[in-house]
Amino acid sequence: MVTAGSVEGITGAPGTERPPVRAFLGMGTNLGDRRRYLLDAVAAIPEVRAVSPVYETDPVGGPEQDAYLNIVVELWTRRTPRQLLELCHELEQAAQRVREVRWGPRTLDVDVVWIDGVVLEDLELTIPHPRAHQRNFVMRPLFDLDPIIDLPGWDPEAAFGDVENLGPLA
């Protein structure tokens, strides 16, 4: 298992690139052209290998707001965890996300949910995502891509949020 102290420096043998790893990003949107924001974000990531169906979900926490569209995207990437976090922020900026209210409405929210073999916890990034296992809007699309993934703490009876599968993103 790779730990926080060792993952940033992985490059493989001298003269080789870092081997690709599987990672999952969660995406959600509840403002504007929701489907377009998701399509544009997925199109901007060259390492995408699979995209879950779209789920419409009730908001969890935060102020009163409209329903979200959520997906999970599977990547095979050479990016480090920090580089994936930077990618998430770049995608949100491209969608003109404004951070005014915690868990408030947004054009696009992108989170690093999982990276194979990585456990990391610091002030900026926690992998696996610390609340993914509590949220059906993350877990249902994640299980569409990997039905046997072992996300710590997952209990389908305890997870909250109603979800409706709307089918493929495209």
Protein backbone atom coordinates (compact mmCIF):
# COMPACT_ATOMS: atom_id res chain seq x y z
CA MET A 1 0.00 0.00 0.00
CA VAL A 2 1.25 3.45 -0.88
CA THR A 3 1.09 6.01 1.93
CA ALA A 4 0.97 9.79 1.90
CA GLY A 5 4.69 10.10 2.48
CA SER A 6 5.68 7.92 -0.46
CA VAL A 7 3.11 8.53 -3.18
CA GLU A 8 4.22 11.97 -4.39
CA GLY A 9 7.71 10.78 -5.24
CA ILE A 10 6.85 7.64 -7.20
CA THR A 11 8.53 7.70 -10.58
CA GLY A 12 9.40 4.05 -11.13
CA ALA A 13 12.92 2.94 -11.97
CA PRO A 14 15.40 5.62 -13.04
CA GLY A 15 14.60 6.82 -16.53
CA THR A 16 11.00 5.53 -16.46
CA GLU A 17 7.67 7.24 -15.97
CA ARG A 18 5.42 6.71 -12.99
CA PRO A 19 3.20 3.70 -13.76
CA PRO A 20 -0.46 4.51 -14.36
CA VAL A 21 -2.91 3.95 -11.52
CA ARG A 22 -6.67 3.69 -11.49
CA ALA A 23 -8.48 6.62 -9.92
CA PHE A 24 -12.12 7.65 -9.58
CA LEU A 25 -13.40 11.23 -9.64
CA GLY A 26 -16.90 12.15 -8.53
CA MET A 27 -18.68 15.00 -10.33
CA GLY A 28 -21.88 16.83 -9.51
CA THR A 29 -23.77 19.88 -10.76
CA ASN A 30 -27.07 21.57 -10.00
CA LEU A 31 -26.87 24.94 -11.76
CA GLY A 32 -27.28 25.90 -15.41
CA ASP A 33 -26.93 23.32 -18.15
CA ARG A 34 -26.05 20.45 -15.80
CA ARG A 35 -25.46 17.82 -18.46
CA ARG A 36 -23.23 20.19 -20.48
CA TYR A 37 -21.03 20.89 -17.44
CA LEU A 38 -20.52 17.15 -16.95
CA LEU A 39 -19.88 16.51 -20.64
CA ASP A 40 -17.32 19.32 -20.84
CA ALA A 41 -15.51 18.14 -17.70
CA VAL A 42 -15.27 14.54 -18.95
CA ALA A 43 -14.09 15.70 -22.38
CA ALA A 44 -11.29 17.72 -20.74
CA ILE A 45 -9.71 14.64 -19.10
CA PRO A 46 -7.63 12.59 -21.55
CA GLU A 47 -7.16 9.67 -19.14
CA VAL A 48 -10.88 8.81 -18.87
CA ARG A 49 -11.52 5.09 -19.32
CA ALA A 50 -15.15 4.84 -18.20
CA VAL A 51 -18.05 7.06 -17.15
CA SER A 52 -20.90 5.92 -14.93
CA PRO A 53 -24.53 6.51 -15.78
CA VAL A 54 -25.91 9.89 -14.72
CA TYR A 55 -27.80 9.95 -11.44
CA GLU A 56 -30.21 12.66 -10.40
CA THR A 57 -30.01 13.16 -6.68
CA ASP A 58 -31.45 15.25 -3.92
CA PRO A 59 -28.98 17.69 -2.35
CA VAL A 60 -27.34 16.48 0.86
CA GLY A 61 -26.67 19.18 3.44
CA GLY A 62 -26.42 22.88 2.79
CA PRO A 63 -29.17 25.34 1.88
CA GLU A 64 -32.38 24.64 -0.04
CA GLN A 65 -31.41 23.99 -3.67
CA ASP A 66 -32.25 22.14 -6.87
CA ALA A 67 -31.45 18.49 -7.61
CA TYR A 68 -27.99 17.44 -8.77
CA LEU A 69 -26.76 15.39 -11.67
CA ASN A 70 -23.90 13.15 -10.51
CA ILE A 71 -21.44 10.82 -12.21
CA VAL A 72 -18.23 9.00 -11.36
CA VAL A 73 -15.38 8.88 -13.86
CA GLU A 74 -12.70 6.18 -13.95
CA LEU A 75 -9.20 7.23 -14.99
CA TRP A 76 -5.94 5.43 -15.61
CA THR A 77 -3.43 8.15 -14.88
CA ARG A 78 0.17 8.92 -14.08
CA ARG A 79 -0.89 12.01 -12.10
CA THR A 80 -0.07 12.17 -8.41
CA PRO A 81 -2.89 12.68 -5.90
CA ARG A 82 -2.03 16.40 -5.69
CA GLN A 83 -2.06 16.68 -9.48
CA LEU A 84 -5.51 15.05 -9.53
CA LEU A 85 -6.71 17.57 -6.95
CA GLU A 86 -5.34 20.37 -9.15
CA LEU A 87 -7.21 18.86 -12.11
CA CYS A 88 -10.44 18.90 -10.06
CA HIS A 89 -9.93 22.60 -9.30
CA GLU A 90 -9.15 23.39 -12.94
CA LEU A 91 -12.35 21.66 -14.10
CA GLU A 92 -14.39 23.59 -11.52
CA GLN A 93 -12.78 26.87 -12.61
CA ALA A 94 -13.53 26.11 -16.27
CA ALA A 95 -17.19 25.73 -15.25
CA GLN A 96 -16.98 29.09 -13.43
CA ARG A 97 -17.72 27.56 -10.06
CA VAL A 98 -18.19 30.06 -7.25
CA ARG A 99 -17.53 28.93 -3.66
CA GLU A 100 -19.83 31.01 -1.47
CA VAL A 101 -21.74 28.56 0.70
CA ARG A 102 -20.51 25.18 1.98
CA TRP A 103 -22.49 22.45 0.24
CA GLY A 104 -24.33 25.16 -1.70
CA PRO A 105 -25.43 25.14 -5.33
CA ARG A 106 -22.67 24.84 -7.90
CA THR A 107 -22.03 24.66 -11.61
CA LEU A 108 -19.55 21.83 -11.04
CA ASP A 109 -18.06 19.99 -8.08
CA VAL A 110 -15.24 17.51 -8.72
CA ASP A 111 -13.71 15.34 -6.00
CA VAL A 112 -11.01 12.69 -5.90
CA VAL A 113 -12.93 9.69 -4.53
CA TRP A 114 -10.40 6.86 -4.78
CA ILE A 115 -6.93 6.03 -6.08
CA ASP A 116 -5.91 2.37 -6.10
CA GLY A 117 -3.39 1.65 -3.37
CA VAL A 118 -3.39 5.17 -1.92
CA VAL A 119 -4.36 6.21 1.58
CA LEU A 120 -3.70 9.89 2.24
CA GLU A 121 -4.95 12.29 4.88
CA ASP A 122 -3.93 15.90 5.26
CA LEU A 123 -5.59 19.33 5.36
CA GLU A 124 -6.06 19.56 1.57
CA LEU A 125 -6.77 16.02 0.45
CA THR A 126 -8.06 12.79 1.96
CA ILE A 127 -8.09 9.54 -0.03
CA PRO A 128 -10.37 7.65 -0.02
CA HIS A 129 -12.79 10.59 0.10
CA PRO A 130 -13.82 10.88 3.76
CA ARG A 131 -17.60 11.02 3.17
CA ALA A 132 -18.03 9.04 -0.07
CA HIS A 133 -19.22 5.93 1.77
CA GLN A 134 -22.10 7.93 3.30
CA ARG A 135 -23.42 9.24 0.00
CA ASN A 136 -25.48 7.23 -2.45
CA PHE A 137 -24.82 9.87 -5.13
CA VAL A 138 -21.17 8.77 -5.05
CA MET A 139 -21.51 5.09 -4.24
CA ARG A 140 -24.17 4.11 -6.79
CA PRO A 141 -22.27 5.44 -9.82
CA LEU A 142 -18.98 4.15 -8.35
CA PHE A 143 -20.43 0.64 -8.10
CA ASP A 144 -21.61 0.87 -11.70
CA LEU A 145 -17.93 1.14 -12.65
CA ASP A 146 -16.52 -1.27 -10.04
CA PRO A 147 -19.13 -3.37 -8.22
CA ILE A 148 -16.56 -4.99 -5.92
CA ILE A 149 -14.58 -1.93 -4.82
CA ASP A 150 -14.00 -2.03 -1.07
CA LEU A 151 -14.53 1.52 0.13
CA PRO A 152 -14.07 1.61 3.92
CA GLY A 153 -17.25 2.26 5.89
CA TRP A 154 -19.73 1.56 3.07
CA ASP A 155 -23.08 0.40 4.39
CA PRO A 156 -25.93 0.66 1.87
CA GLU A 157 -28.46 0.77 4.71
CA ALA A 158 -26.72 3.74 6.36
CA ALA A 159 -25.90 5.80 3.23
CA PHE A 160 -28.26 8.65 2.50
CA GLY A 161 -29.60 10.49 -0.52
CA ASP A 162 -32.22 9.32 -2.98
CA VAL A 163 -30.78 8.61 -6.42
CA GLU A 164 -32.37 8.00 -9.81
CA ASN A 165 -30.41 6.46 -12.68
CA LEU A 166 -31.01 8.60 -15.79
CA GLY A 167 -28.84 6.50 -18.10
CA PRO A 168 -25.69 7.38 -20.06
CA LEU A 169 -24.19 10.87 -20.03
CA ALA A 170 -23.87 11.21 -23.81
